[in-house]
Amino acid sequence: MDLTNVALVGRLLVGALFVVIGVRLLIGRRPVAMLLGSKRLPQPLGIAIIGGGIEIVLGLAAIVGVALPAVFVAMALFVVAATAMVHDFWNKKGMARTLDVNVVLSNGLIVGGLMVMAAYPW
């Protein structure tokens, strides 16, 4: 069975969503920076702006089809880094911990999918 079109739709969807999320991050950079600052990260506004820019660039690269294996690995690494910065469940208790654990697990699924896309013979 030829799944080329399925892979293409998946690639375009992932790319488009990375762009949308990056744009939303840049638009809402101040609240995101406040969240990052609450995690005691240095230069939280800079991290928010750079993060949004990275998401937009990687998303556009996926849509256009440039260096796809590297783009999907970079996306996976970005998701891992962002998850570690924001969803520090090891510092939380109760429902807050449960919610962050759920996000970490969901993001693990995203990372797995991105790694599969990186391995696809584009």
N, C-alpha and C. Protein backbone atom coordinates (compact mmCIF):
# COMPACT_ATOMS: atom_id res chain seq x y z
N MET A 1 0.85 -1.18 0.00
CA MET A 1 0.00 0.00 0.00
C MET A 1 0.89 1.24 0.00
N ASP A 2 0.61 2.15 -0.88
CA ASP A 2 1.37 3.40 -0.98
C ASP A 2 0.77 4.43 -0.02
N LEU A 3 1.58 4.84 0.94
CA LEU A 3 1.12 5.81 1.95
C LEU A 3 1.74 7.19 1.75
N THR A 4 2.23 7.44 0.54
CA THR A 4 2.89 8.72 0.27
C THR A 4 1.98 9.90 0.56
N ASN A 5 0.73 9.83 0.13
CA ASN A 5 -0.19 10.95 0.35
C ASN A 5 -0.53 11.11 1.83
N VAL A 6 -0.62 10.00 2.55
CA VAL A 6 -0.86 10.08 4.00
C VAL A 6 0.30 10.80 4.67
N ALA A 7 1.53 10.43 4.29
CA ALA A 7 2.71 11.08 4.87
C ALA A 7 2.74 12.56 4.52
N LEU A 8 2.38 12.90 3.29
CA LEU A 8 2.36 14.31 2.88
C LEU A 8 1.35 15.11 3.70
N VAL A 9 0.16 14.58 3.87
CA VAL A 9 -0.86 15.28 4.67
C VAL A 9 -0.36 15.44 6.11
N GLY A 10 0.24 14.40 6.67
CA GLY A 10 0.79 14.48 8.02
C GLY A 10 1.87 15.53 8.13
N ARG A 11 2.77 15.55 7.13
CA ARG A 11 3.85 16.54 7.13
C ARG A 11 3.30 17.96 7.06
N LEU A 12 2.32 18.19 6.19
CA LEU A 12 1.74 19.53 6.07
C LEU A 12 0.99 19.93 7.33
N LEU A 13 0.29 18.98 7.94
CA LEU A 13 -0.44 19.26 9.18
C LEU A 13 0.52 19.62 10.31
N VAL A 14 1.57 18.82 10.48
CA VAL A 14 2.55 19.10 11.53
C VAL A 14 3.21 20.46 11.28
N GLY A 15 3.61 20.71 10.04
CA GLY A 15 4.23 21.99 9.72
C GLY A 15 3.31 23.17 9.99
N ALA A 16 2.07 23.05 9.53
CA ALA A 16 1.11 24.15 9.73
C ALA A 16 0.84 24.39 11.22
N LEU A 17 0.72 23.32 11.98
CA LEU A 17 0.45 23.50 13.41
C LEU A 17 1.65 24.10 14.13
N PHE A 18 2.87 23.74 13.73
CA PHE A 18 4.05 24.37 14.33
C PHE A 18 4.04 25.87 14.03
N VAL A 19 3.69 26.25 12.80
CA VAL A 19 3.62 27.67 12.45
C VAL A 19 2.56 28.38 13.29
N VAL A 20 1.37 27.81 13.37
CA VAL A 20 0.28 28.43 14.14
C VAL A 20 0.67 28.57 15.60
N ILE A 21 1.24 27.53 16.18
CA ILE A 21 1.64 27.58 17.59
C ILE A 21 2.74 28.63 17.79
N GLY A 22 3.69 28.71 16.85
CA GLY A 22 4.74 29.71 16.95
C GLY A 22 4.20 31.13 16.87
N VAL A 23 3.27 31.37 15.95
CA VAL A 23 2.65 32.70 15.83
C VAL A 23 1.88 33.04 17.10
N ARG A 24 1.11 32.07 17.61
CA ARG A 24 0.36 32.31 18.85
C ARG A 24 1.30 32.60 20.02
N LEU A 25 2.44 31.91 20.04
CA LEU A 25 3.42 32.16 21.11
C LEU A 25 3.96 33.59 21.00
N LEU A 26 4.27 34.02 19.79
CA LEU A 26 4.78 35.39 19.63
C LEU A 26 3.72 36.42 19.99
N ILE A 27 2.48 36.18 19.61
CA ILE A 27 1.41 37.11 19.95
C ILE A 27 1.21 37.16 21.47
N GLY A 28 1.26 36.02 22.11
CA GLY A 28 1.07 35.95 23.56
C GLY A 28 2.37 35.82 24.33
N ARG A 29 3.42 36.46 23.82
CA ARG A 29 4.75 36.27 24.41
C ARG A 29 4.86 36.75 25.85
N ARG A 30 4.15 37.78 26.22
CA ARG A 30 4.27 38.29 27.59
C ARG A 30 3.74 37.30 28.62
N PRO A 31 2.53 36.75 28.45
CA PRO A 31 2.09 35.74 29.42
C PRO A 31 2.99 34.50 29.42
N VAL A 32 3.48 34.11 28.24
CA VAL A 32 4.40 32.97 28.18
C VAL A 32 5.68 33.31 28.93
N ALA A 33 6.17 34.52 28.74
CA ALA A 33 7.38 34.95 29.46
C ALA A 33 7.15 34.95 30.97
N MET A 34 5.96 35.33 31.39
CA MET A 34 5.66 35.30 32.83
C MET A 34 5.69 33.86 33.35
N LEU A 35 5.15 32.93 32.57
CA LEU A 35 5.19 31.52 32.95
C LEU A 35 6.63 31.03 33.03
N LEU A 36 7.43 31.36 32.02
CA LEU A 36 8.84 30.94 32.02
C LEU A 36 9.59 31.58 33.18
N GLY A 37 9.29 32.84 33.48
CA GLY A 37 9.91 33.51 34.62
C GLY A 37 9.56 32.85 35.93
N SER A 38 8.33 32.35 36.03
CA SER A 38 7.92 31.66 37.26
C SER A 38 8.68 30.35 37.45
N LYS A 39 9.28 29.85 36.37
CA LYS A 39 10.11 28.64 36.43
C LYS A 39 11.57 28.99 36.69
N ARG A 40 11.81 30.29 36.93
CA ARG A 40 13.16 30.82 37.21
C ARG A 40 14.12 30.63 36.03
N LEU A 41 13.59 30.70 34.83
CA LEU A 41 14.44 30.63 33.64
C LEU A 41 14.98 32.02 33.34
N PRO A 42 16.23 32.11 32.89
CA PRO A 42 16.80 33.42 32.57
C PRO A 42 16.21 33.97 31.27
N GLN A 43 16.08 35.27 31.19
CA GLN A 43 15.59 35.94 29.98
C GLN A 43 14.31 35.31 29.43
N PRO A 44 13.27 35.23 30.23
CA PRO A 44 12.06 34.53 29.78
C PRO A 44 11.41 35.12 28.53
N LEU A 45 11.46 36.45 28.38
CA LEU A 45 10.88 37.04 27.17
C LEU A 45 11.69 36.63 25.94
N GLY A 46 12.99 36.63 26.08
CA GLY A 46 13.85 36.19 24.98
C GLY A 46 13.61 34.74 24.61
N ILE A 47 13.45 33.89 25.62
CA ILE A 47 13.16 32.48 25.37
C ILE A 47 11.84 32.34 24.63
N ALA A 48 10.83 33.10 25.04
CA ALA A 48 9.52 33.03 24.39
C ALA A 48 9.61 33.45 22.92
N ILE A 49 10.30 34.55 22.67
CA ILE A 49 10.43 35.05 21.29
C ILE A 49 11.23 34.07 20.43
N ILE A 50 12.35 33.60 20.95
CA ILE A 50 13.17 32.65 20.20
C ILE A 50 12.39 31.35 19.97
N GLY A 51 11.68 30.89 20.99
CA GLY A 51 10.89 29.67 20.84
C GLY A 51 9.84 29.79 19.75
N GLY A 52 9.13 30.91 19.75
CA GLY A 52 8.13 31.14 18.71
C GLY A 52 8.76 31.18 17.32
N GLY A 53 9.90 31.84 17.23
CA GLY A 53 10.61 31.90 15.94
C GLY A 53 11.07 30.54 15.46
N ILE A 54 11.59 29.74 16.39
CA ILE A 54 12.02 28.38 16.04
C ILE A 54 10.84 27.57 15.53
N GLU A 55 9.71 27.66 16.21
CA GLU A 55 8.53 26.90 15.78
C GLU A 55 8.08 27.32 14.38
N ILE A 56 8.09 28.61 14.11
CA ILE A 56 7.67 29.09 12.79
C ILE A 56 8.63 28.60 11.71
N VAL A 57 9.93 28.74 11.94
CA VAL A 57 10.93 28.32 10.95
C VAL A 57 10.85 26.82 10.69
N LEU A 58 10.78 26.02 11.76
CA LEU A 58 10.69 24.57 11.58
C LEU A 58 9.39 24.19 10.88
N GLY A 59 8.29 24.83 11.23
CA GLY A 59 7.02 24.54 10.58
C GLY A 59 7.05 24.85 9.10
N LEU A 60 7.60 26.01 8.74
CA LEU A 60 7.70 26.38 7.33
C LEU A 60 8.62 25.42 6.58
N ALA A 61 9.71 25.01 7.21
CA ALA A 61 10.63 24.05 6.57
C ALA A 61 9.92 22.73 6.31
N ALA A 62 9.09 22.29 7.25
CA ALA A 62 8.34 21.04 7.05
C ALA A 62 7.34 21.19 5.90
N ILE A 63 6.68 22.33 5.82
CA ILE A 63 5.70 22.56 4.76
C ILE A 63 6.38 22.57 3.39
N VAL A 64 7.49 23.29 3.31
CA VAL A 64 8.20 23.43 2.04
C VAL A 64 8.92 22.13 1.67
N GLY A 65 9.34 21.37 2.67
CA GLY A 65 10.01 20.10 2.41
C GLY A 65 11.52 20.18 2.41
N VAL A 66 12.06 21.09 3.20
CA VAL A 66 13.51 21.30 3.26
C VAL A 66 14.11 20.47 4.39
N ALA A 67 15.12 19.66 4.09
CA ALA A 67 15.88 18.90 5.10
C ALA A 67 14.97 18.20 6.10
N LEU A 68 14.01 17.47 5.58
CA LEU A 68 12.94 16.94 6.44
C LEU A 68 13.40 16.08 7.61
N PRO A 69 14.30 15.13 7.43
CA PRO A 69 14.69 14.35 8.62
C PRO A 69 15.24 15.25 9.73
N ALA A 70 16.11 16.19 9.37
CA ALA A 70 16.69 17.09 10.36
C ALA A 70 15.62 17.98 10.98
N VAL A 71 14.67 18.43 10.18
CA VAL A 71 13.59 19.29 10.69
C VAL A 71 12.76 18.54 11.72
N PHE A 72 12.41 17.29 11.43
CA PHE A 72 11.57 16.54 12.37
C PHE A 72 12.33 16.17 13.64
N VAL A 73 13.63 15.89 13.52
CA VAL A 73 14.43 15.65 14.73
C VAL A 73 14.51 16.94 15.55
N ALA A 74 14.71 18.08 14.88
CA ALA A 74 14.77 19.37 15.59
C ALA A 74 13.43 19.67 16.26
N MET A 75 12.33 19.36 15.60
CA MET A 75 11.01 19.55 16.22
C MET A 75 10.89 18.69 17.48
N ALA A 76 11.32 17.44 17.38
CA ALA A 76 11.25 16.54 18.53
C ALA A 76 12.09 17.08 19.68
N LEU A 77 13.30 17.54 19.39
CA LEU A 77 14.16 18.10 20.44
C LEU A 77 13.55 19.36 21.04
N PHE A 78 12.92 20.17 20.20
CA PHE A 78 12.25 21.38 20.69
C PHE A 78 11.13 21.01 21.66
N VAL A 79 10.32 20.02 21.30
CA VAL A 79 9.22 19.59 22.17
C VAL A 79 9.77 19.07 23.49
N VAL A 80 10.86 18.29 23.44
CA VAL A 80 11.47 17.78 24.67
C VAL A 80 11.95 18.93 25.54
N ALA A 81 12.66 19.89 24.95
CA ALA A 81 13.19 21.03 25.72
C ALA A 81 12.06 21.87 26.31
N ALA A 82 11.06 22.19 25.50
CA ALA A 82 9.95 23.01 25.98
C ALA A 82 9.19 22.29 27.09
N THR A 83 9.02 20.99 26.94
CA THR A 83 8.32 20.21 27.96
C THR A 83 9.09 20.23 29.27
N ALA A 84 10.40 20.04 29.19
CA ALA A 84 11.22 20.04 30.40
C ALA A 84 11.21 21.40 31.09
N MET A 85 11.18 22.48 30.30
CA MET A 85 11.19 23.82 30.88
C MET A 85 9.88 24.17 31.57
N VAL A 86 8.77 23.74 31.01
CA VAL A 86 7.46 24.22 31.48
C VAL A 86 6.73 23.21 32.36
N HIS A 87 6.87 21.95 32.09
CA HIS A 87 6.05 20.94 32.78
C HIS A 87 6.89 20.15 33.79
N ASP A 88 7.38 20.86 34.78
CA ASP A 88 8.25 20.28 35.82
C ASP A 88 7.41 19.58 36.89
N PHE A 89 6.81 18.47 36.51
CA PHE A 89 5.90 17.74 37.40
C PHE A 89 6.60 17.26 38.66
N TRP A 90 7.91 17.07 38.60
CA TRP A 90 8.67 16.60 39.75
C TRP A 90 8.70 17.63 40.88
N ASN A 91 8.34 18.87 40.58
CA ASN A 91 8.27 19.92 41.60
C ASN A 91 6.85 20.16 42.10
N LYS A 92 5.90 19.35 41.66
CA LYS A 92 4.49 19.62 41.98
C LYS A 92 3.87 18.45 42.72
N LYS A 93 2.71 18.74 43.29
CA LYS A 93 1.96 17.72 44.02
C LYS A 93 0.49 17.77 43.58
N GLY A 94 -0.22 16.70 43.87
CA GLY A 94 -1.66 16.67 43.64
C GLY A 94 -2.05 16.80 42.19
N MET A 95 -3.14 17.55 41.96
CA MET A 95 -3.69 17.68 40.62
C MET A 95 -2.73 18.39 39.67
N ALA A 96 -1.98 19.38 40.15
CA ALA A 96 -1.01 20.07 39.30
C ALA A 96 0.02 19.09 38.76
N ARG A 97 0.47 18.18 39.62
CA ARG A 97 1.43 17.15 39.18
C ARG A 97 0.79 16.23 38.15
N THR A 98 -0.43 15.80 38.42
CA THR A 98 -1.14 14.90 37.50
C THR A 98 -1.31 15.54 36.13
N LEU A 99 -1.70 16.81 36.10
CA LEU A 99 -1.89 17.51 34.83
C LEU A 99 -0.58 17.61 34.06
N ASP A 100 0.51 17.96 34.75
CA ASP A 100 1.80 18.06 34.06
C ASP A 100 2.30 16.70 33.60
N VAL A 101 2.09 15.65 34.39
CA VAL A 101 2.47 14.31 33.95
C VAL A 101 1.71 13.95 32.67
N ASN A 102 0.43 14.28 32.62
CA ASN A 102 -0.37 14.00 31.42
C ASN A 102 0.17 14.74 30.20
N VAL A 103 0.57 16.00 30.38
CA VAL A 103 1.14 16.76 29.26
C VAL A 103 2.46 16.14 28.82
N VAL A 104 3.30 15.75 29.78
CA VAL A 104 4.58 15.12 29.45
C VAL A 104 4.35 13.84 28.65
N LEU A 105 3.40 13.03 29.08
CA LEU A 105 3.11 11.79 28.36
C LEU A 105 2.57 12.08 26.96
N SER A 106 1.68 13.05 26.84
CA SER A 106 1.15 13.43 25.52
C SER A 106 2.27 13.94 24.62
N ASN A 107 3.14 14.75 25.18
CA ASN A 107 4.26 15.26 24.38
C ASN A 107 5.21 14.14 23.98
N GLY A 108 5.30 13.10 24.82
CA GLY A 108 6.09 11.93 24.43
C GLY A 108 5.52 11.27 23.18
N LEU A 109 4.20 11.22 23.08
CA LEU A 109 3.57 10.70 21.86
C LEU A 109 3.91 11.57 20.65
N ILE A 110 3.90 12.87 20.84
CA ILE A 110 4.24 13.79 19.75
C ILE A 110 5.68 13.57 19.32
N VAL A 111 6.59 13.45 20.27
CA VAL A 111 8.00 13.21 19.96
C VAL A 111 8.15 11.90 19.19
N GLY A 112 7.45 10.87 19.63
CA GLY A 112 7.51 9.59 18.91
C GLY A 112 7.05 9.73 17.47
N GLY A 113 5.96 10.43 17.25
CA GLY A 113 5.47 10.66 15.89
C GLY A 113 6.45 11.45 15.05
N LEU A 114 7.07 12.45 15.65
CA LEU A 114 8.06 13.25 14.92
C LEU A 114 9.28 12.41 14.55
N MET A 115 9.67 11.50 15.43
CA MET A 115 10.81 10.63 15.12
C MET A 115 10.46 9.67 13.98
N VAL A 116 9.23 9.17 13.96
CA VAL A 116 8.79 8.32 12.84
C VAL A 116 8.84 9.13 11.54
N MET A 117 8.38 10.39 11.60
CA MET A 117 8.41 11.23 10.40
C MET A 117 9.85 11.51 9.96
N ALA A 118 10.76 11.64 10.93
CA ALA A 118 12.17 11.86 10.59
C ALA A 118 12.74 10.65 9.85
N ALA A 119 12.26 9.46 10.19
CA ALA A 119 12.78 8.23 9.59
C ALA A 119 12.11 7.91 8.24
N TYR A 120 11.03 8.61 7.91
CA TYR A 120 10.32 8.34 6.66
C TYR A 120 11.21 8.70 5.47
N PRO A 121 11.24 7.88 4.43
CA PRO A 121 12.12 8.16 3.27
C PRO A 121 11.55 9.25 2.34
N TRP A 122 11.64 10.48 2.75
CA TRP A 122 11.11 11.59 1.96
C TRP A 122 11.86 11.67 0.65
